[in-house]
Amino acid sequence: MLVDLLSASLVTRQIPISPSERDALAVLLNRFRPAAVADLAYIRDRENTLASEE
């Protein structure tokens, strides 16, 4: 899934994001129910994904 791949890139490449980008990503990640993304590690681990801040 594209959102998981984007999240993986942010985490593994340690790409900094601004607070407004973090907020927008949080809204997007929160649209997914945990049970629906059990196999998508970076969406499921929202806290770690959102930890990349500028």
N, C-alpha and C. Protein backbone atom coordinates (compact mmCIF):
# COMPACT_ATOMS: atom_id res chain seq x y z
N MET A 1 0.85 -1.17 0.00
CA MET A 1 0.00 0.00 0.00
C MET A 1 0.91 1.24 0.00
N LEU A 2 0.53 2.22 -0.77
CA LEU A 2 1.34 3.43 -0.95
C LEU A 2 1.60 4.17 0.36
N VAL A 3 0.60 4.27 1.21
CA VAL A 3 0.77 5.00 2.48
C VAL A 3 1.80 4.29 3.35
N ASP A 4 1.80 2.98 3.37
CA ASP A 4 2.79 2.24 4.15
C ASP A 4 4.19 2.44 3.57
N LEU A 5 4.31 2.45 2.26
CA LEU A 5 5.62 2.68 1.63
C LEU A 5 6.14 4.09 1.91
N LEU A 6 5.27 5.06 1.87
CA LEU A 6 5.65 6.44 2.20
C LEU A 6 6.11 6.51 3.66
N SER A 7 5.36 5.91 4.54
CA SER A 7 5.72 5.89 5.96
C SER A 7 7.05 5.18 6.18
N ALA A 8 7.25 4.09 5.49
CA ALA A 8 8.52 3.35 5.61
C ALA A 8 9.69 4.21 5.17
N SER A 9 9.52 4.95 4.09
CA SER A 9 10.59 5.84 3.62
C SER A 9 10.92 6.91 4.64
N LEU A 10 9.90 7.49 5.25
CA LEU A 10 10.12 8.52 6.26
C LEU A 10 10.93 7.98 7.44
N VAL A 11 10.60 6.76 7.85
CA VAL A 11 11.25 6.17 9.02
C VAL A 11 12.65 5.66 8.68
N THR A 12 12.77 4.84 7.66
CA THR A 12 14.05 4.21 7.37
C THR A 12 15.10 5.19 6.85
N ARG A 13 14.66 6.19 6.12
CA ARG A 13 15.60 7.20 5.60
C ARG A 13 15.75 8.38 6.55
N GLN A 14 15.02 8.33 7.65
CA GLN A 14 15.04 9.38 8.67
C GLN A 14 14.81 10.75 8.04
N ILE A 15 13.77 10.83 7.23
CA ILE A 15 13.42 12.08 6.54
C ILE A 15 12.67 12.97 7.53
N PRO A 16 13.20 14.15 7.80
CA PRO A 16 12.51 15.06 8.72
C PRO A 16 11.25 15.64 8.08
N ILE A 17 10.21 15.80 8.89
CA ILE A 17 8.99 16.43 8.41
C ILE A 17 8.62 17.57 9.36
N SER A 18 7.97 18.54 8.80
CA SER A 18 7.56 19.71 9.59
C SER A 18 6.36 19.35 10.46
N PRO A 19 6.08 20.16 11.46
CA PRO A 19 4.90 19.89 12.29
C PRO A 19 3.59 19.83 11.49
N SER A 20 3.44 20.69 10.50
CA SER A 20 2.21 20.65 9.71
C SER A 20 2.14 19.39 8.84
N GLU A 21 3.28 18.95 8.33
CA GLU A 21 3.30 17.69 7.57
C GLU A 21 3.00 16.51 8.49
N ARG A 22 3.54 16.55 9.72
CA ARG A 22 3.27 15.50 10.70
C ARG A 22 1.78 15.44 11.03
N ASP A 23 1.17 16.60 11.19
CA ASP A 23 -0.27 16.64 11.49
C ASP A 23 -1.09 16.06 10.34
N ALA A 24 -0.72 16.41 9.11
CA ALA A 24 -1.44 15.88 7.94
C ALA A 24 -1.25 14.37 7.83
N LEU A 25 -0.03 13.90 8.09
CA LEU A 25 0.22 12.46 8.04
C LEU A 25 -0.55 11.74 9.14
N ALA A 26 -0.63 12.34 10.32
CA ALA A 26 -1.38 11.75 11.42
C ALA A 26 -2.85 11.57 11.05
N VAL A 27 -3.42 12.57 10.41
CA VAL A 27 -4.82 12.47 9.97
C VAL A 27 -4.97 11.31 8.99
N LEU A 28 -4.04 11.21 8.06
CA LEU A 28 -4.10 10.13 7.07
C LEU A 28 -3.94 8.75 7.73
N LEU A 29 -2.95 8.62 8.60
CA LEU A 29 -2.73 7.33 9.27
C LEU A 29 -3.91 6.93 10.14
N ASN A 30 -4.55 7.89 10.77
CA ASN A 30 -5.67 7.59 11.65
C ASN A 30 -6.94 7.19 10.90
N ARG A 31 -6.94 7.31 9.59
CA ARG A 31 -8.08 6.87 8.80
C ARG A 31 -8.12 5.34 8.68
N PHE A 32 -6.99 4.70 9.00
CA PHE A 32 -6.90 3.24 8.90
C PHE A 32 -7.18 2.60 10.25
N ARG A 33 -8.05 1.62 10.26
CA ARG A 33 -8.34 0.87 11.49
C ARG A 33 -7.20 -0.13 11.72
N PRO A 34 -6.76 -0.29 12.96
CA PRO A 34 -5.65 -1.20 13.25
C PRO A 34 -5.85 -2.62 12.71
N ALA A 35 -7.04 -3.15 12.81
CA ALA A 35 -7.29 -4.51 12.33
C ALA A 35 -7.12 -4.60 10.81
N ALA A 36 -7.40 -3.52 10.11
CA ALA A 36 -7.30 -3.53 8.65
C ALA A 36 -5.86 -3.41 8.15
N VAL A 37 -4.95 -2.99 9.03
CA VAL A 37 -3.56 -2.79 8.60
C VAL A 37 -2.59 -3.65 9.41
N ALA A 38 -3.07 -4.78 9.88
CA ALA A 38 -2.24 -5.65 10.73
C ALA A 38 -0.92 -6.03 10.06
N ASP A 39 -0.92 -6.16 8.74
CA ASP A 39 0.30 -6.56 8.03
C ASP A 39 1.08 -5.37 7.46
N LEU A 40 0.67 -4.16 7.77
CA LEU A 40 1.35 -2.95 7.28
C LEU A 40 2.03 -2.26 8.45
N ALA A 41 3.27 -2.63 8.68
CA ALA A 41 3.99 -2.26 9.90
C ALA A 41 4.08 -0.77 10.14
N TYR A 42 4.31 0.03 9.12
CA TYR A 42 4.54 1.46 9.33
C TYR A 42 3.26 2.23 9.56
N ILE A 43 2.16 1.76 9.02
CA ILE A 43 0.87 2.38 9.33
C ILE A 43 0.45 1.97 10.74
N ARG A 44 0.67 0.72 11.06
CA ARG A 44 0.30 0.21 12.39
C ARG A 44 1.11 0.90 13.49
N ASP A 45 2.39 1.20 13.21
CA ASP A 45 3.27 1.83 14.20
C ASP A 45 3.26 3.35 14.00
N ARG A 46 2.09 3.95 14.15
CA ARG A 46 1.92 5.39 13.90
C ARG A 46 2.89 6.24 14.73
N GLU A 47 3.07 5.88 15.98
CA GLU A 47 3.89 6.69 16.88
C GLU A 47 5.33 6.82 16.36
N ASN A 48 5.91 5.72 15.93
CA ASN A 48 7.27 5.75 15.39
C ASN A 48 7.32 6.48 14.05
N THR A 49 6.32 6.26 13.23
CA THR A 49 6.27 6.92 11.93
C THR A 49 6.18 8.44 12.09
N LEU A 50 5.40 8.89 13.05
CA LEU A 50 5.21 10.32 13.26
C LEU A 50 6.33 10.96 14.07
N ALA A 51 7.29 10.19 14.53
CA ALA A 51 8.38 10.72 15.34
C ALA A 51 9.39 11.52 14.52
N SER A 52 9.37 11.41 13.21
CA SER A 52 10.31 12.15 12.36
C SER A 52 9.83 13.59 12.20
N GLU A 53 10.42 14.48 12.97
CA GLU A 53 10.05 15.90 12.89
C GLU A 53 11.25 16.74 12.53
N GLU A 54 10.99 17.86 11.90
CA GLU A 54 12.02 18.82 11.51
C GLU A 54 12.35 19.71 12.68
